[in-house]
């Protein structure tokens, strides 16, 4: 099967926290030199500034990999090319669909072929199957009328700090929760090769993203003081699946399909995994390149298997976000929960191996009781937790900021 990869920028730097789970490193054979840092400890920091260290349940060989997307993406793309994929330095601008969802008529891709040049040359390519791995603003999704989804805006600054400050983040990442840094997400400090990524995100208050970024930077100021900003990044992140992920012989994967988890905002592993699962299903269905698969066949293999495998993970993290990311008392309770070694083990195991963990009924019941007690205490008994007050005026923001697409 002839395979082509369209990439507008071969050295593209995608705005991203860059954390990947252990299972991705093993499953996709990511070399050690592509991992900037091995995070074995995390600090969860509450609205009142309470710091809870987590990570003591990790085994010596377990860690979260921290990467730069330009390094990781470049490696994956180069390996695909080594295996026979043909790279095209181009931007797909239009897709002509088969008439009447024809089972055999090809797709015609119209694209600008840059071939290392600034000005693109218009060209076309006919193909039997299209896999849209073209991100949150997917042109493939638009072409096949896959529907819209709500999205978050993630904002990150890469900040170079001195060696002593960098040593503090040697194997450590930080997560900050509070209405000041995000009304529905979290802020982070993630270590990279020679700098840290400091960022935040939000769905419900996108016009105020820069104010939230100022807040997360202020919260960690004591640890990054004197650092210099070397890059500013922003990117949309989907909040849920596209209404339609397969149309005829066009298939969506990764962010284009909406495969990002709530609560954690993770999408790298699910992008890689969905791409692989879609490709494996298509290869199987084409029977050695002798027949073309139908929409129903792709849905019954790729989509059904993906949803069965990862649907529970999306559901659980959606619930956690609804419960714990909506108010400062709830966020305070969430950080308190993280003091439990059982919570830490379940959380890390679920993240590292992408399986919903928790098979200890007694511990689960204790956790439920503790969670309810903590929510009640923080909502009704504590007076020191800051109120959830908006940090921007929506009327002023409409005048100050352009409408987001």
Protein backbone atom coordinates (compact mmCIF):
# COMPACT_ATOMS: atom_id res chain seq x y z
CA UNK A 1 0.00 0.00 0.00
CA UNK A 2 1.48 3.34 -1.04
CA UNK A 3 1.41 5.73 1.90
CA UNK A 4 1.92 9.51 1.86
CA UNK A 5 2.41 11.90 4.76
CA UNK A 6 1.46 15.56 4.32
CA UNK A 7 3.30 17.91 6.67
CA UNK A 8 3.19 21.69 6.29
CA UNK A 9 6.30 22.24 8.42
CA UNK A 10 8.83 19.48 8.82
CA UNK A 11 10.26 21.26 11.87
CA UNK A 12 6.91 22.20 13.38
CA UNK A 13 6.88 22.91 17.13
CA UNK A 14 3.44 22.08 18.47
CA UNK A 15 2.38 23.88 21.68
CA UNK A 16 2.10 21.05 24.18
CA UNK A 17 2.93 20.07 27.76
CA UNK A 18 4.82 17.14 26.26
CA UNK A 19 4.17 14.47 28.91
CA UNK A 20 3.90 10.89 27.64
CA UNK A 21 3.08 7.71 29.60
CA UNK A 22 5.42 4.78 30.08
CA UNK A 23 3.26 2.52 27.94
CA UNK A 24 3.81 4.80 24.92
CA UNK A 25 7.58 4.71 25.33
CA UNK A 26 7.50 0.90 25.36
CA UNK A 27 4.76 0.34 22.80
CA UNK A 28 6.11 2.78 20.23
CA UNK A 29 9.81 2.06 20.89
CA UNK A 30 10.70 5.66 21.76
CA UNK A 31 14.51 5.86 22.22
CA UNK A 32 15.82 7.13 25.56
CA UNK A 33 17.52 10.12 23.91
CA UNK A 34 14.13 11.45 22.77
CA UNK A 35 13.02 11.81 26.40
CA UNK A 36 14.13 15.11 27.95
CA UNK A 37 13.30 14.25 31.56
CA UNK A 38 12.01 11.30 33.54
CA UNK A 39 9.50 12.64 36.05
CA UNK A 40 9.14 10.48 39.15
CA UNK A 41 7.70 13.08 41.51
CA UNK A 42 4.88 15.60 41.26
CA UNK A 43 3.68 18.41 43.45
CA UNK A 44 -0.06 19.02 43.57
CA UNK A 45 -0.65 22.60 44.73
CA UNK A 46 -4.07 23.67 45.98
CA UNK A 47 -5.84 27.08 45.85
CA UNK A 48 -4.56 27.84 49.37
CA UNK A 49 -1.01 26.88 48.43
CA UNK A 50 -1.00 23.46 50.09
CA UNK A 51 1.61 21.25 48.46
CA UNK A 52 1.10 17.49 48.30
CA UNK A 53 4.02 15.45 46.94
CA UNK A 54 2.99 12.38 44.98
CA UNK A 55 5.01 9.64 43.36
CA UNK A 56 6.12 7.48 46.28
CA UNK A 57 4.13 4.55 44.88
CA UNK A 58 6.16 4.48 41.65
CA UNK A 59 8.55 1.59 41.12
CA UNK A 60 12.22 2.41 40.35
CA UNK A 61 11.73 1.81 36.61
CA UNK A 62 8.48 3.79 36.33
CA UNK A 63 8.30 7.42 35.25
CA UNK A 64 6.46 9.97 33.10
CA UNK A 65 8.43 10.97 30.03
CA UNK A 66 8.79 14.67 29.26
CA UNK A 67 9.37 15.48 25.61
CA UNK A 68 9.57 18.36 23.18
CA UNK A 69 7.07 17.79 20.40
CA UNK A 70 9.47 18.92 17.69
CA UNK A 71 11.81 16.10 18.77
CA UNK A 72 9.17 13.40 19.30
CA UNK A 73 7.13 14.22 16.18
CA UNK A 74 10.22 14.45 14.03
CA UNK A 75 11.39 11.03 15.20
CA UNK A 76 8.02 9.38 14.51
CA UNK A 77 7.77 10.99 11.07
CA UNK A 78 11.34 10.06 10.11
CA UNK A 79 10.76 6.47 11.17
CA UNK A 80 7.60 6.28 9.08
CA UNK A 81 9.60 7.51 6.09
CA UNK A 82 12.27 4.89 6.75
CA UNK A 83 9.52 2.26 6.66
CA UNK A 84 8.40 3.47 3.23
CA UNK A 85 5.98 6.36 3.72
CA UNK A 86 6.50 9.18 1.22
CA UNK A 87 6.71 12.63 2.87
CA UNK A 88 5.19 15.65 1.16
CA UNK A 89 6.12 19.07 2.49
CA UNK A 90 2.73 20.53 1.69
CA UNK A 91 -0.58 21.86 2.94
CA UNK A 92 -3.82 20.20 1.87
CA UNK A 93 -6.23 22.98 0.91
CA UNK A 94 -9.19 21.06 -0.52
CA UNK A 95 -10.47 17.49 -0.74
CA UNK A 96 -12.75 16.29 -3.54
CA UNK A 97 -14.90 13.48 -2.14
CA UNK A 98 -16.06 10.45 -4.15
CA UNK A 99 -19.42 11.25 -5.73
CA UNK A 100 -22.31 9.65 -3.92
CA UNK A 101 -19.96 7.96 -1.43
CA UNK A 102 -18.74 5.74 -4.25
CA UNK A 103 -17.12 2.52 -2.92
CA UNK A 104 -14.28 2.74 -5.45
CA UNK A 105 -13.89 6.32 -6.74
CA UNK A 106 -10.74 7.93 -5.29
CA UNK A 107 -10.37 11.06 -3.19
CA UNK A 108 -8.57 13.96 -4.85
CA UNK A 109 -6.34 15.97 -2.53
CA UNK A 110 -5.50 19.51 -3.64
CA UNK A 111 -2.40 20.84 -1.92
CA UNK A 112 0.37 23.40 -2.03
CA UNK A 113 3.67 21.62 -2.43
CA UNK A 114 6.31 23.69 -0.67
CA UNK A 115 9.23 21.27 -1.07
CA UNK A 116 11.30 23.43 1.24
CA UNK A 117 10.22 26.66 -0.48
CA UNK A 118 8.23 29.55 0.95
CA UNK A 119 5.82 29.71 -1.99
CA UNK A 120 3.84 26.51 -2.63
CA UNK A 121 3.13 24.96 -6.01
CA UNK A 122 -0.50 23.77 -6.56
CA UNK A 123 -0.65 19.98 -7.06
CA UNK A 124 -3.12 17.11 -6.65
CA UNK A 125 -2.96 13.51 -5.49
CA UNK A 126 -5.57 10.77 -5.89
CA UNK A 127 -5.87 8.20 -3.11
CA UNK A 128 -8.25 5.47 -1.97
CA UNK A 129 -8.23 6.19 1.77
CA UNK A 130 -7.66 9.39 3.77
CA UNK A 131 -6.58 9.41 7.42
CA UNK A 132 -6.99 12.84 8.99
CA UNK A 133 -4.39 13.31 11.69
CA UNK A 134 -4.39 17.06 11.12
CA UNK A 135 -5.26 18.33 14.57
CA UNK A 136 -8.04 20.29 16.21
CA UNK A 137 -8.60 22.48 13.14
CA UNK A 138 -8.74 19.43 10.86
CA UNK A 139 -9.41 20.16 7.19
CA UNK A 140 -10.23 16.50 6.66
CA UNK A 141 -12.95 16.74 9.32
CA UNK A 142 -14.36 19.82 7.62
CA UNK A 143 -14.27 18.18 4.19
CA UNK A 144 -16.25 15.13 5.35
CA UNK A 145 -18.66 17.21 7.48
CA UNK A 146 -17.62 15.45 10.69
CA UNK A 147 -19.27 18.10 12.87
CA UNK A 148 -17.89 20.51 15.45
CA UNK A 149 -16.73 20.09 19.02
CA UNK A 150 -16.08 22.38 21.93
CA UNK A 151 -12.45 23.10 22.62
CA UNK A 152 -10.08 24.44 25.24
CA UNK A 153 -7.28 26.91 24.67
CA UNK A 154 -3.93 25.80 26.07
CA UNK A 155 -1.32 28.51 26.59
CA UNK A 156 2.31 27.82 27.47
CA UNK A 157 5.51 29.77 27.90
CA UNK A 158 8.86 28.04 27.64
CA UNK A 159 11.06 29.64 30.28
CA UNK A 160 14.80 29.20 30.66
CA UNK A 161 15.88 29.24 34.30
CA UNK A 162 19.29 28.93 36.00
CA UNK A 163 20.97 25.61 36.77
CA UNK A 164 20.06 25.66 40.46
CA UNK A 165 16.37 26.23 39.65
CA UNK A 166 16.50 23.59 36.93
CA UNK A 167 17.95 21.10 39.43
CA UNK A 168 14.78 21.50 41.50
CA UNK A 169 12.77 20.24 38.51
CA UNK A 170 15.23 17.41 37.70
CA UNK A 171 12.59 14.69 38.18
CA UNK A 172 9.71 16.89 39.32
CA UNK A 173 6.63 18.36 37.66
CA UNK A 174 4.05 20.64 39.27
CA UNK A 175 0.27 20.95 38.87
CA UNK A 176 -1.52 24.01 40.25
CA UNK A 177 -5.28 24.12 40.73
CA UNK A 178 -7.34 27.16 41.61
CA UNK A 179 -9.77 29.57 39.98
CA UNK A 180 -6.94 32.05 39.61
CA UNK A 181 -5.00 29.77 37.20
CA UNK A 182 -8.04 28.20 35.46
CA UNK A 183 -11.78 28.00 36.13
CA UNK A 184 -12.03 24.46 34.74
CA UNK A 185 -8.54 23.05 34.23
CA UNK A 186 -5.12 23.33 35.89
CA UNK A 187 -1.82 25.12 35.52
CA UNK A 188 1.48 23.29 35.14
CA UNK A 189 5.24 23.54 35.31
CA UNK A 190 6.81 20.71 33.28
CA UNK A 191 10.59 20.28 32.94
CA UNK A 192 12.07 20.09 29.44
CA UNK A 193 15.60 19.61 28.16
CA UNK A 194 17.08 22.90 29.39
CA UNK A 195 13.99 24.89 30.39
CA UNK A 196 10.51 24.51 31.87
CA UNK A 197 7.11 24.77 30.25
CA UNK A 198 4.71 26.92 32.28
CA UNK A 199 1.12 26.91 31.11
CA UNK A 200 -2.60 26.63 31.68
CA UNK A 201 -5.83 26.09 29.76
CA UNK A 202 -9.56 26.73 29.83
CA UNK A 203 -12.76 25.99 27.93
CA UNK A 204 -15.31 28.21 29.61
CA UNK A 205 -13.21 31.40 29.77
CA UNK A 206 -11.04 31.39 26.66
CA UNK A 207 -10.84 35.21 26.25
CA UNK A 208 -9.08 35.44 29.63
CA UNK A 209 -6.35 32.89 28.89
CA UNK A 210 -3.53 35.45 29.20
CA UNK A 211 -4.76 36.52 32.63
CA UNK A 212 -4.77 32.89 33.76
CA UNK A 213 -1.26 32.50 32.35
CA UNK A 214 -0.15 35.53 34.36
CA UNK A 215 -1.64 33.87 37.43
CA UNK A 216 0.18 30.55 37.00
CA UNK A 217 3.43 32.40 36.41
CA UNK A 218 2.83 34.41 39.60
CA UNK A 219 2.10 31.23 41.58
CA UNK A 220 5.42 29.63 40.66
CA UNK A 221 7.39 32.89 40.56
CA UNK A 222 9.55 31.98 43.56
CA UNK A 223 10.85 28.90 41.74
CA UNK A 224 11.46 30.44 38.31
CA UNK A 225 12.40 33.99 39.31
CA UNK A 226 14.73 35.66 36.83
CA UNK A 227 13.88 33.18 34.08
CA UNK A 228 13.63 34.34 30.49
CA UNK A 229 10.79 33.48 28.14
CA UNK A 230 12.19 31.76 25.05
CA UNK A 231 8.92 30.85 23.35
CA UNK A 232 5.18 31.54 23.72
CA UNK A 233 2.71 28.93 22.46
CA UNK A 234 -1.07 28.55 22.25
CA UNK A 235 -3.23 25.84 20.72
CA UNK A 236 -6.84 24.57 20.72
CA UNK A 237 -7.52 21.26 22.46
CA UNK A 238 -10.74 19.30 21.73
CA UNK A 239 -13.07 18.60 24.64
CA UNK A 240 -14.93 15.57 23.26
CA UNK A 241 -15.24 13.27 20.25
CA UNK A 242 -16.28 14.58 16.86
CA UNK A 243 -19.91 13.68 16.08
CA UNK A 244 -18.64 11.70 13.08
CA UNK A 245 -15.20 10.09 13.02
CA UNK A 246 -15.50 7.94 9.88
CA UNK A 247 -17.17 8.93 6.62
CA UNK A 248 -16.92 6.48 3.72
CA UNK A 249 -13.16 5.84 3.46
CA UNK A 250 -12.03 8.97 5.33
CA UNK A 251 -10.99 8.38 8.94
CA UNK A 252 -10.15 10.78 11.78
CA UNK A 253 -7.52 10.11 14.46
CA UNK A 254 -5.91 12.06 17.31
CA UNK A 255 -7.02 15.63 17.97
CA UNK A 256 -8.92 15.66 14.67
CA UNK A 257 -11.19 12.94 16.11
CA UNK A 258 -11.36 14.61 19.55
CA UNK A 259 -9.20 12.11 21.42
CA UNK A 260 -8.10 14.26 24.36
CA UNK A 261 -9.01 13.37 27.93
CA UNK A 262 -10.73 15.81 30.24
CA UNK A 263 -9.21 16.51 33.65
CA UNK A 264 -5.67 15.74 32.43
CA UNK A 265 -5.84 17.21 28.91
CA UNK A 266 -3.70 14.36 27.58
CA UNK A 267 -3.72 13.60 23.88
CA UNK A 268 -0.28 12.47 22.64
CA UNK A 269 -0.65 8.77 23.44
CA UNK A 270 -4.23 8.64 22.20
CA UNK A 271 -3.19 10.32 18.95
CA UNK A 272 -0.43 7.78 18.34
CA UNK A 273 -2.58 4.85 19.44
CA UNK A 274 -5.63 5.82 17.38
CA UNK A 275 -3.42 6.33 14.32
CA UNK A 276 -1.96 2.87 14.73
CA UNK A 277 -5.33 1.24 15.39
CA UNK A 278 -6.93 2.91 12.37
CA UNK A 279 -4.04 1.84 10.13
CA UNK A 280 -4.10 -1.74 11.41
CA UNK A 281 -7.84 -1.98 10.83
CA UNK A 282 -7.52 -0.61 7.29
CA UNK A 283 -4.65 -2.94 6.40
CA UNK A 284 -6.67 -5.91 7.64
CA UNK A 285 -9.85 -4.86 5.83
CA UNK A 286 -8.08 -4.30 2.50
CA UNK A 287 -6.90 -7.94 2.53
CA UNK A 288 -3.44 -7.20 1.26
CA UNK A 289 -4.51 -4.22 -0.83
CA UNK A 290 -7.04 -6.17 -2.92
CA UNK A 291 -10.31 -4.56 -1.75
CA UNK A 292 -11.44 -1.21 -0.30
CA UNK A 293 -13.09 -1.12 3.14
CA UNK A 294 -16.57 0.29 3.72
CA UNK A 295 -17.55 2.88 6.29
CA UNK A 296 -19.38 0.26 8.34
CA UNK A 297 -16.38 -2.07 8.32
CA UNK A 298 -14.05 0.68 9.56
CA UNK A 299 -16.53 1.64 12.29
CA UNK A 300 -16.94 -1.98 13.37
CA UNK A 301 -13.19 -2.49 13.70
CA UNK A 302 -11.26 0.70 14.43
CA UNK A 303 -13.96 2.73 16.22
CA UNK A 304 -15.49 -0.14 18.15
CA UNK A 305 -12.12 -1.37 19.40
CA UNK A 306 -10.92 2.13 20.31
CA UNK A 307 -14.10 3.02 22.22
CA UNK A 308 -14.13 -0.31 24.06
CA UNK A 309 -10.49 0.11 25.09
CA UNK A 310 -10.46 3.77 26.11
CA UNK A 311 -14.09 4.81 26.59
CA UNK A 312 -13.98 4.09 30.35
CA UNK A 313 -10.89 6.28 30.74
CA UNK A 314 -12.60 9.24 29.06
CA UNK A 315 -15.74 8.69 31.18
CA UNK A 316 -13.89 8.55 34.51
CA UNK A 317 -11.78 11.64 33.79
CA UNK A 318 -14.86 13.54 32.63
CA UNK A 319 -16.55 12.81 35.95
CA UNK A 320 -13.45 13.84 37.90
CA UNK A 321 -13.33 17.16 36.07
CA UNK A 322 -17.03 17.79 36.70
CA UNK A 323 -16.64 17.06 40.44
CA UNK A 324 -13.28 18.60 41.30
CA UNK A 325 -12.50 21.38 38.81
CA UNK A 326 -15.62 23.50 39.31
CA UNK A 327 -14.90 25.33 42.58
CA UNK A 328 -11.98 26.13 44.84
CA UNK A 329 -13.37 24.08 47.78
CA UNK A 330 -13.64 21.08 45.45
CA UNK A 331 -10.10 21.68 44.17
CA UNK A 332 -8.84 21.85 47.76
CA UNK A 333 -10.55 18.51 48.42
CA UNK A 334 -8.98 17.07 45.28
CA UNK A 335 -5.46 17.96 46.44
CA UNK A 336 -6.20 16.53 49.90
CA UNK A 337 -7.29 13.27 48.27
CA UNK A 338 -3.88 13.04 46.61
CA UNK A 339 -2.30 12.50 50.03
CA UNK A 340 -3.72 8.95 49.94
CA UNK A 341 -1.21 6.39 48.69
CA UNK A 342 -4.10 4.38 47.25
CA UNK A 343 -5.21 7.39 45.19
CA UNK A 344 -1.65 7.94 44.02
CA UNK A 345 -1.20 4.32 42.98
CA UNK A 346 -4.52 4.18 41.10
CA UNK A 347 -3.81 7.53 39.42
CA UNK A 348 -0.29 6.69 38.29
CA UNK A 349 -1.17 3.15 37.20
CA UNK A 350 -4.09 4.47 35.17
CA UNK A 351 -1.93 7.13 33.52
CA UNK A 352 1.18 5.05 32.92
CA UNK A 353 -0.60 2.01 31.49
CA UNK A 354 -3.85 3.50 30.17
CA UNK A 355 -6.16 1.16 32.03
CA UNK A 356 -8.82 2.22 34.53
CA UNK A 357 -7.43 0.88 37.80
CA UNK A 358 -8.96 0.25 41.21
CA UNK A 359 -9.87 -3.31 42.15
CA UNK A 360 -9.88 -2.96 45.93
CA UNK A 361 -13.53 -2.58 47.08
CA UNK A 362 -12.60 -1.75 50.69
CA UNK A 363 -10.16 0.95 49.66
CA UNK A 364 -12.65 2.27 47.10
CA UNK A 365 -15.33 2.66 49.79
CA UNK A 366 -12.87 4.38 52.13
CA UNK A 367 -11.92 6.70 49.31
CA UNK A 368 -15.56 7.56 48.61
CA UNK A 369 -16.24 8.35 52.27
CA UNK A 370 -13.06 10.43 52.50
CA UNK A 371 -13.92 12.33 49.33
CA UNK A 372 -17.43 13.22 50.52
CA UNK A 373 -16.07 14.29 53.92
CA UNK A 374 -13.39 16.46 52.33
CA UNK A 375 -15.90 18.12 49.98
CA UNK A 376 -18.24 18.92 52.87
CA UNK A 377 -15.44 20.27 55.04
CA UNK A 378 -13.95 22.48 52.33
CA UNK A 379 -17.33 23.78 51.14
CA UNK A 380 -18.92 24.61 54.47
CA UNK A 381 -16.33 24.74 57.24
CA UNK A 382 -13.22 26.40 55.86
CA UNK A 383 -13.06 30.17 55.49
CA UNK A 384 -9.50 30.45 54.16
CA UNK A 385 -10.20 29.10 50.68
CA UNK A 386 -10.32 31.91 48.09
CA UNK A 387 -13.65 32.53 46.41
CA UNK A 388 -14.27 31.64 42.77
CA UNK A 389 -14.38 35.13 41.36
CA UNK A 390 -13.95 35.88 37.63
CA UNK A 391 -10.74 37.73 36.85
CA UNK A 392 -12.02 39.37 33.68
CA UNK A 393 -14.94 41.51 32.59
CA UNK A 394 -16.75 39.87 29.64
CA UNK A 395 -17.98 43.22 28.29
CA UNK A 396 -14.50 44.74 28.39
CA UNK A 397 -13.05 41.58 26.87
CA UNK A 398 -15.41 41.75 23.89
CA UNK A 399 -14.13 45.22 23.20
CA UNK A 400 -10.51 44.29 23.79
CA UNK A 401 -10.15 40.87 22.14
CA UNK A 402 -11.08 39.65 18.65
CA UNK A 403 -13.66 36.88 18.46
CA UNK A 404 -12.04 33.45 18.47
CA UNK A 405 -12.81 31.08 15.65
